[in-house]
């Protein structure tokens, strides 16, 4: 049985390199999916819900899109389970530049046009 989508904002699965800044210390991470409310970030950090972070997204060039977020939920996989599940955090954006939403529009699936 297929489950209906419950999210208010659709998620686009795209891997981006990123940096999570927690307590002014940068940590390498990977964005696994994006949405208007916030991304899911794969990380080895043990983040707690409510933690404020800075997220720097890198999209193939040297420039970064920097946004403010807080941890909405976190998933911590035991090291024995690391191959079967992903540790990381769902982030809720608290402040983002227009460049973030432009990035989302670039990754959004394009509508398929019927040919006839």
C-alpha atoms as a PDB file:
ATOM      1  CA  UNK A   1       0.000   0.000   0.000  1.00  0.00           C
ATOM      2  CA  UNK A   2       1.364   3.403  -0.961  1.00  0.00           C
ATOM      3  CA  UNK A   3       1.493   6.081   1.728  1.00  0.00           C
ATOM      4  CA  UNK A   4       0.253   9.562   0.794  1.00  0.00           C
ATOM      5  CA  UNK A   5       2.757  12.417   1.028  1.00  0.00           C
ATOM      6  CA  UNK A   6       2.293  14.198   4.374  1.00  0.00           C
ATOM      7  CA  UNK A   7       4.827  16.974   3.886  1.00  0.00           C
ATOM      8  CA  UNK A   8       3.682  20.504   3.200  1.00  0.00           C
ATOM      9  CA  UNK A   9       6.742  21.142   0.997  1.00  0.00           C
ATOM     10  CA  UNK A  10       8.000  18.538  -1.475  1.00  0.00           C
ATOM     11  CA  UNK A  11      11.558  17.266  -1.015  1.00  0.00           C
ATOM     12  CA  UNK A  12      14.014  17.102  -3.897  1.00  0.00           C
ATOM     13  CA  UNK A  13      16.741  14.501  -3.509  1.00  0.00           C
ATOM     14  CA  UNK A  14      20.049  16.153  -4.375  1.00  0.00           C
ATOM     15  CA  UNK A  15      23.445  15.575  -2.855  1.00  0.00           C
ATOM     16  CA  UNK A  16      25.411  18.723  -2.119  1.00  0.00           C
ATOM     17  CA  UNK A  17      28.568  19.165  -0.152  1.00  0.00           C
ATOM     18  CA  UNK A  18      28.060  21.449   2.785  1.00  0.00           C
ATOM     19  CA  UNK A  19      29.468  22.634   6.037  1.00  0.00           C
ATOM     20  CA  UNK A  20      27.608  22.726   9.336  1.00  0.00           C
ATOM     21  CA  UNK A  21      28.870  25.355  11.752  1.00  0.00           C
ATOM     22  CA  UNK A  22      28.038  24.497  15.351  1.00  0.00           C
ATOM     23  CA  UNK A  23      29.439  26.584  18.214  1.00  0.00           C
ATOM     24  CA  UNK A  24      31.578  28.451  15.650  1.00  0.00           C
ATOM     25  CA  UNK A  25      33.276  25.209  14.528  1.00  0.00           C
ATOM     26  CA  UNK A  26      32.804  23.998  10.930  1.00  0.00           C
ATOM     27  CA  UNK A  27      32.075  20.326  10.202  1.00  0.00           C
ATOM     28  CA  UNK A  28      31.875  18.659   6.785  1.00  0.00           C
ATOM     29  CA  UNK A  29      28.503  17.185   5.887  1.00  0.00           C
ATOM     30  CA  UNK A  30      26.355  16.223   2.891  1.00  0.00           C
ATOM     31  CA  UNK A  31      22.877  17.482   2.049  1.00  0.00           C
ATOM     32  CA  UNK A  32      20.751  14.501   0.967  1.00  0.00           C
ATOM     33  CA  UNK A  33      17.555  16.367   0.141  1.00  0.00           C
ATOM     34  CA  UNK A  34      16.218  19.900  -0.001  1.00  0.00           C
ATOM     35  CA  UNK A  35      12.884  21.613   0.505  1.00  0.00           C
ATOM     36  CA  UNK A  36      11.637  25.136   1.185  1.00  0.00           C
ATOM     37  CA  UNK A  37      11.377  24.462   4.927  1.00  0.00           C
ATOM     38  CA  UNK A  38      14.892  22.999   5.219  1.00  0.00           C
ATOM     39  CA  UNK A  39      17.260  20.208   4.175  1.00  0.00           C
ATOM     40  CA  UNK A  40      18.187  16.821   5.611  1.00  0.00           C
ATOM     41  CA  UNK A  41      21.934  16.779   6.255  1.00  0.00           C
ATOM     42  CA  UNK A  42      24.003  13.614   6.664  1.00  0.00           C
ATOM     43  CA  UNK A  43      26.548  14.125   9.425  1.00  0.00           C
ATOM     44  CA  UNK A  44      28.405  12.258  12.136  1.00  0.00           C
ATOM     45  CA  UNK A  45      27.664  15.063  14.597  1.00  0.00           C
ATOM     46  CA  UNK A  46      25.348  14.184  17.423  1.00  0.00           C
ATOM     47  CA  UNK A  47      22.992  17.113  17.064  1.00  0.00           C
ATOM     48  CA  UNK A  48      20.054  17.690  19.381  1.00  0.00           C
ATOM     49  CA  UNK A  49      16.705  19.159  18.328  1.00  0.00           C
ATOM     50  CA  UNK A  50      16.682  22.913  18.879  1.00  0.00           C
ATOM     51  CA  UNK A  51      20.430  23.338  18.265  1.00  0.00           C
ATOM     52  CA  UNK A  52      21.109  26.436  16.154  1.00  0.00           C
ATOM     53  CA  UNK A  53      23.473  25.949  13.212  1.00  0.00           C
ATOM     54  CA  UNK A  54      24.839  27.795  10.223  1.00  0.00           C
ATOM     55  CA  UNK A  55      24.664  25.771   7.008  1.00  0.00           C
ATOM     56  CA  UNK A  56      26.944  26.567   4.081  1.00  0.00           C
ATOM     57  CA  UNK A  57      25.899  24.911   0.822  1.00  0.00           C
ATOM     58  CA  UNK A  58      28.387  24.437  -2.004  1.00  0.00           C
ATOM     59  CA  UNK A  59      26.999  23.902  -5.496  1.00  0.00           C
ATOM     60  CA  UNK A  60      29.978  23.053  -7.656  1.00  0.00           C
ATOM     61  CA  UNK A  61      31.769  26.388  -7.500  1.00  0.00           C
ATOM     62  CA  UNK A  62      33.730  28.215  -4.832  1.00  0.00           C
ATOM     63  CA  UNK A  63      30.783  30.300  -3.610  1.00  0.00           C
ATOM     64  CA  UNK A  64      28.584  29.170  -0.763  1.00  0.00           C
ATOM     65  CA  UNK A  65      24.970  29.856   0.125  1.00  0.00           C
ATOM     66  CA  UNK A  66      24.848  30.426   3.868  1.00  0.00           C
ATOM     67  CA  UNK A  67      21.696  30.060   5.919  1.00  0.00           C
ATOM     68  CA  UNK A  68      20.668  29.954   9.557  1.00  0.00           C
ATOM     69  CA  UNK A  69      18.762  26.922  10.789  1.00  0.00           C
ATOM     70  CA  UNK A  70      17.880  24.891  13.829  1.00  0.00           C
ATOM     71  CA  UNK A  71      17.768  21.140  14.203  1.00  0.00           C
ATOM     72  CA  UNK A  72      14.162  19.971  13.872  1.00  0.00           C
ATOM     73  CA  UNK A  73      14.929  16.263  14.329  1.00  0.00           C
ATOM     74  CA  UNK A  74      18.036  14.102  14.449  1.00  0.00           C
ATOM     75  CA  UNK A  75      18.779  10.500  13.613  1.00  0.00           C
ATOM     76  CA  UNK A  76      21.801   8.770  15.137  1.00  0.00           C
ATOM     77  CA  UNK A  77      22.745   5.396  13.707  1.00  0.00           C
ATOM     78  CA  UNK A  78      24.804   3.040  15.815  1.00  0.00           C
ATOM     79  CA  UNK A  79      28.110   2.358  14.063  1.00  0.00           C
ATOM     80  CA  UNK A  80      27.075  -1.272  13.491  1.00  0.00           C
ATOM     81  CA  UNK A  81      24.018  -0.018  11.584  1.00  0.00           C
ATOM     82  CA  UNK A  82      25.799   2.711   9.576  1.00  0.00           C
ATOM     83  CA  UNK A  83      25.569   0.740   6.324  1.00  0.00           C
ATOM     84  CA  UNK A  84      21.788   0.388   6.673  1.00  0.00           C
ATOM     85  CA  UNK A  85      20.706   3.827   7.868  1.00  0.00           C
ATOM     86  CA  UNK A  86      21.937   7.405   7.729  1.00  0.00           C
ATOM     87  CA  UNK A  87      22.900   9.558  10.679  1.00  0.00           C
ATOM     88  CA  UNK A  88      22.023  13.189  10.288  1.00  0.00           C
ATOM     89  CA  UNK A  89      19.541  15.932  10.983  1.00  0.00           C
ATOM     90  CA  UNK A  90      16.493  17.534   9.490  1.00  0.00           C
ATOM     91  CA  UNK A  91      17.037  21.272   9.643  1.00  0.00           C
ATOM     92  CA  UNK A  92      14.407  23.984   9.815  1.00  0.00           C
ATOM     93  CA  UNK A  93      15.493  27.211   8.153  1.00  0.00           C
ATOM     94  CA  UNK A  94      15.258  30.303  10.327  1.00  0.00           C
ATOM     95  CA  UNK A  95      16.893  32.700   7.849  1.00  0.00           C
ATOM     96  CA  UNK A  96      17.956  32.141   4.244  1.00  0.00           C
ATOM     97  CA  UNK A  97      19.021  34.384   1.376  1.00  0.00           C
ATOM     98  CA  UNK A  98      17.158  34.467  -1.916  1.00  0.00           C
ATOM     99  CA  UNK A  99      20.023  32.406  -3.391  1.00  0.00           C
ATOM    100  CA  UNK A 100      18.791  29.357  -1.417  1.00  0.00           C
ATOM    101  CA  UNK A 101      15.340  29.525  -3.011  1.00  0.00           C
ATOM    102  CA  UNK A 102      16.913  30.027  -6.448  1.00  0.00           C
ATOM    103  CA  UNK A 103      18.933  26.882  -5.825  1.00  0.00           C
ATOM    104  CA  UNK A 104      15.726  25.016  -4.961  1.00  0.00           C
ATOM    105  CA  UNK A 105      14.091  26.161  -8.194  1.00  0.00           C
ATOM    106  CA  UNK A 106      17.100  24.940 -10.192  1.00  0.00           C
ATOM    107  CA  UNK A 107      16.750  21.472  -8.650  1.00  0.00           C
ATOM    108  CA  UNK A 108      12.960  21.256  -8.870  1.00  0.00           C
ATOM    109  CA  UNK A 109      11.723  18.580 -11.267  1.00  0.00           C
ATOM    110  CA  UNK A 110      10.710  20.084 -14.591  1.00  0.00           C
ATOM    111  CA  UNK A 111       7.178  19.291 -15.783  1.00  0.00           C
ATOM    112  CA  UNK A 112       6.953  16.725 -18.555  1.00  0.00           C
ATOM    113  CA  UNK A 113       5.214  17.995 -21.669  1.00  0.00           C
ATOM    114  CA  UNK A 114       3.085  15.577 -23.628  1.00  0.00           C
ATOM    115  CA  UNK A 115       3.953  15.257 -27.281  1.00  0.00           C
ATOM    116  CA  UNK A 116       1.298  14.333 -29.649  1.00  0.00           C
END
